[in-house]
């Protein structure tokens, strides 16, 4: 296992997970740095770890949750994250509508309980399997499915309201 080739490429995923939890860019960057440091300090265990990605995500999630508790659940608004546009020929009106819809969904996701927010982030944004999410969050696959179902129900309900 090589830090540069196997772990460093996970940096963006770790950042997105941390950002979804702590909802602050600088704090998320700090969480990623702490995660990478902790993973590096455990390098003698790397070969015995089944999934280094799940290991890193778990550390990042736990550090982010600990940070959130220390900050007494202080939430700041999530800044705009650049999004790839599938249609480069869209007109300005369509771009504005799309950005507005995306921002509305982001606000709804930010308002979800932490477990639901993390499950949605890992499943719908990071593309993790239910099993991987269960391992990362240390909950059962059934709990993952329930959290995702409830989160999607809330998102759908609030978005259509």
Protein backbone atom coordinates (compact mmCIF):
# COMPACT_ATOMS: atom_id res chain seq x y z
CA UNK A 1 0.00 0.00 0.00
CA UNK A 2 1.31 3.41 -0.99
CA UNK A 3 0.21 6.67 0.62
CA UNK A 4 0.61 8.72 -2.53
CA UNK A 5 -1.21 6.25 -4.82
CA UNK A 6 -3.79 4.64 -2.50
CA UNK A 7 -4.67 7.22 0.15
CA UNK A 8 -3.94 10.72 -1.17
CA UNK A 9 -6.42 10.31 -4.07
CA UNK A 10 -9.18 9.94 -1.44
CA UNK A 11 -8.62 13.52 -0.30
CA UNK A 12 -11.52 15.02 -2.28
CA UNK A 13 -13.98 12.39 -1.07
CA UNK A 14 -12.85 12.91 2.52
CA UNK A 15 -13.26 16.65 2.08
CA UNK A 16 -16.81 16.32 0.75
CA UNK A 17 -17.76 14.03 3.64
CA UNK A 18 -16.21 16.35 6.23
CA UNK A 19 -17.81 19.40 4.62
CA UNK A 20 -21.24 17.77 4.70
CA UNK A 21 -20.81 17.15 8.43
CA UNK A 22 -19.07 20.29 9.69
CA UNK A 23 -20.52 22.62 7.04
CA UNK A 24 -17.48 24.89 6.99
CA UNK A 25 -14.74 24.83 4.37
CA UNK A 26 -11.82 25.58 6.67
CA UNK A 27 -12.95 23.06 9.29
CA UNK A 28 -13.46 20.43 6.58
CA UNK A 29 -9.92 21.01 5.32
CA UNK A 30 -8.64 20.61 8.88
CA UNK A 31 -10.58 17.34 9.26
CA UNK A 32 -9.01 15.98 6.06
CA UNK A 33 -5.53 16.93 7.25
CA UNK A 34 -6.13 15.27 10.61
CA UNK A 35 -7.49 12.19 8.87
CA UNK A 36 -4.47 11.88 6.60
CA UNK A 37 -2.17 12.32 9.58
CA UNK A 38 -3.98 9.62 11.59
CA UNK A 39 -3.93 7.24 8.62
CA UNK A 40 -0.22 7.90 8.09
CA UNK A 41 0.48 7.22 11.77
CA UNK A 42 -1.26 3.85 11.40
CA UNK A 43 0.73 2.83 8.30
CA UNK A 44 2.02 -0.35 9.94
CA UNK A 45 -1.61 -1.60 10.00
CA UNK A 46 -2.43 -0.81 6.35
CA UNK A 47 -1.84 -4.32 5.04
CA UNK A 48 -4.27 -5.81 7.57
CA UNK A 49 -7.08 -3.38 6.66
CA UNK A 50 -9.68 -4.79 4.26
CA UNK A 51 -10.69 -1.44 2.75
CA UNK A 52 -8.34 1.48 3.20
CA UNK A 53 -11.01 3.78 1.76
CA UNK A 54 -13.60 2.73 4.35
CA UNK A 55 -10.92 3.07 7.04
CA UNK A 56 -10.12 6.64 5.93
CA UNK A 57 -13.78 7.61 5.61
CA UNK A 58 -14.52 6.26 9.09
CA UNK A 59 -11.68 8.25 10.62
CA UNK A 60 -12.76 11.39 8.76
CA UNK A 61 -16.39 10.97 9.82
CA UNK A 62 -15.46 10.39 13.47
CA UNK A 63 -13.11 13.37 13.55
CA UNK A 64 -15.75 15.56 11.93
CA UNK A 65 -18.41 14.46 14.41
CA UNK A 66 -16.04 15.05 17.32
CA UNK A 67 -15.28 18.52 15.97
CA UNK A 68 -18.97 19.23 15.59
CA UNK A 69 -19.59 18.24 19.21
CA UNK A 70 -16.75 20.47 20.36
CA UNK A 71 -18.20 23.39 18.45
CA UNK A 72 -21.53 22.78 20.24
CA UNK A 73 -23.39 22.02 17.04
CA UNK A 74 -22.59 25.41 15.56
CA UNK A 75 -23.64 25.30 11.91
CA UNK A 76 -22.58 27.73 9.27
CA UNK A 77 -24.11 27.83 5.81
CA UNK A 78 -22.54 25.69 3.14
CA UNK A 79 -20.82 27.82 0.55
CA UNK A 80 -21.47 27.22 -3.11
CA UNK A 81 -19.50 24.26 -4.46
CA UNK A 82 -18.78 24.34 -8.19
CA UNK A 83 -20.84 21.78 -10.05
CA UNK A 84 -20.13 20.25 -13.44
CA UNK A 85 -22.73 21.25 -15.99
CA UNK A 86 -23.96 18.42 -18.19
CA UNK A 87 -25.27 20.80 -20.88
CA UNK A 88 -22.74 23.41 -21.95
CA UNK A 89 -25.27 24.94 -24.35
CA UNK A 90 -27.87 25.85 -21.71
CA UNK A 91 -29.06 29.41 -21.74
CA UNK A 92 -28.54 31.77 -18.77
CA UNK A 93 -32.13 31.33 -17.58
CA UNK A 94 -31.73 27.52 -17.43
CA UNK A 95 -28.40 27.92 -15.63
CA UNK A 96 -30.02 30.21 -13.04
CA UNK A 97 -32.93 27.83 -12.51
CA UNK A 98 -30.55 24.85 -12.18
CA UNK A 99 -28.36 26.70 -9.65
CA UNK A 100 -31.42 27.76 -7.67
CA UNK A 101 -32.74 24.19 -7.57
CA UNK A 102 -29.35 22.84 -6.55
CA UNK A 103 -29.02 25.42 -3.76
CA UNK A 104 -32.50 24.54 -2.51
CA UNK A 105 -31.58 20.84 -2.38
CA UNK A 106 -28.31 21.69 -0.58
CA UNK A 107 -30.18 23.68 2.06
CA UNK A 108 -32.62 20.82 2.58
CA UNK A 109 -29.77 18.28 2.90
CA UNK A 110 -27.97 20.59 5.34
CA UNK A 111 -31.09 20.67 7.51
CA UNK A 112 -31.27 16.86 7.80
CA UNK A 113 -30.18 15.08 10.98
CA UNK A 114 -26.47 14.17 10.87
CA UNK A 115 -26.93 10.43 10.23
CA UNK A 116 -29.31 11.05 7.34
CA UNK A 117 -27.04 13.76 5.94
CA UNK A 118 -24.00 11.48 6.09
CA UNK A 119 -25.84 8.52 4.56
CA UNK A 120 -27.10 10.64 1.66
CA UNK A 121 -23.62 12.10 1.14
CA UNK A 122 -21.97 8.69 1.09
CA UNK A 123 -24.64 6.99 -1.05
CA UNK A 124 -25.86 9.59 -3.51
CA UNK A 125 -22.81 11.78 -3.84
CA UNK A 126 -19.90 9.42 -3.15
CA UNK A 127 -21.61 6.35 -4.65
CA UNK A 128 -20.86 4.02 -1.73
CA UNK A 129 -22.71 0.73 -1.28
CA UNK A 130 -24.99 0.18 1.69
CA UNK A 131 -22.42 -2.21 3.13
CA UNK A 132 -19.61 0.34 2.80
CA UNK A 133 -21.75 3.03 4.42
CA UNK A 134 -22.65 0.67 7.27
CA UNK A 135 -18.94 -0.02 7.86
CA UNK A 136 -18.00 3.66 7.72
CA UNK A 137 -20.79 4.75 10.06
CA UNK A 138 -20.69 1.67 12.28
CA UNK A 139 -24.41 0.94 11.85
CA UNK A 140 -26.32 -1.90 10.19
CA UNK A 141 -27.15 -1.92 6.48
CA UNK A 142 -30.83 -1.79 7.45
CA UNK A 143 -30.22 1.41 9.43
CA UNK A 144 -28.42 2.86 6.41
CA UNK A 145 -31.41 2.08 4.19
CA UNK A 146 -33.85 3.57 6.69
CA UNK A 147 -31.77 6.76 7.04
CA UNK A 148 -31.51 7.15 3.26
CA UNK A 149 -35.22 6.48 2.78
CA UNK A 150 -36.19 9.05 5.42
CA UNK A 151 -33.71 11.60 4.08
CA UNK A 152 -34.99 11.23 0.53
CA UNK A 153 -38.57 11.47 1.75
CA UNK A 154 -37.76 14.71 3.59
CA UNK A 155 -35.87 16.13 0.61
CA UNK A 156 -38.71 15.28 -1.76
CA UNK A 157 -41.34 16.69 0.60
CA UNK A 158 -39.53 19.96 1.31
CA UNK A 159 -38.44 20.42 -2.31
CA UNK A 160 -41.99 20.05 -3.63
CA UNK A 161 -43.49 22.24 -0.88
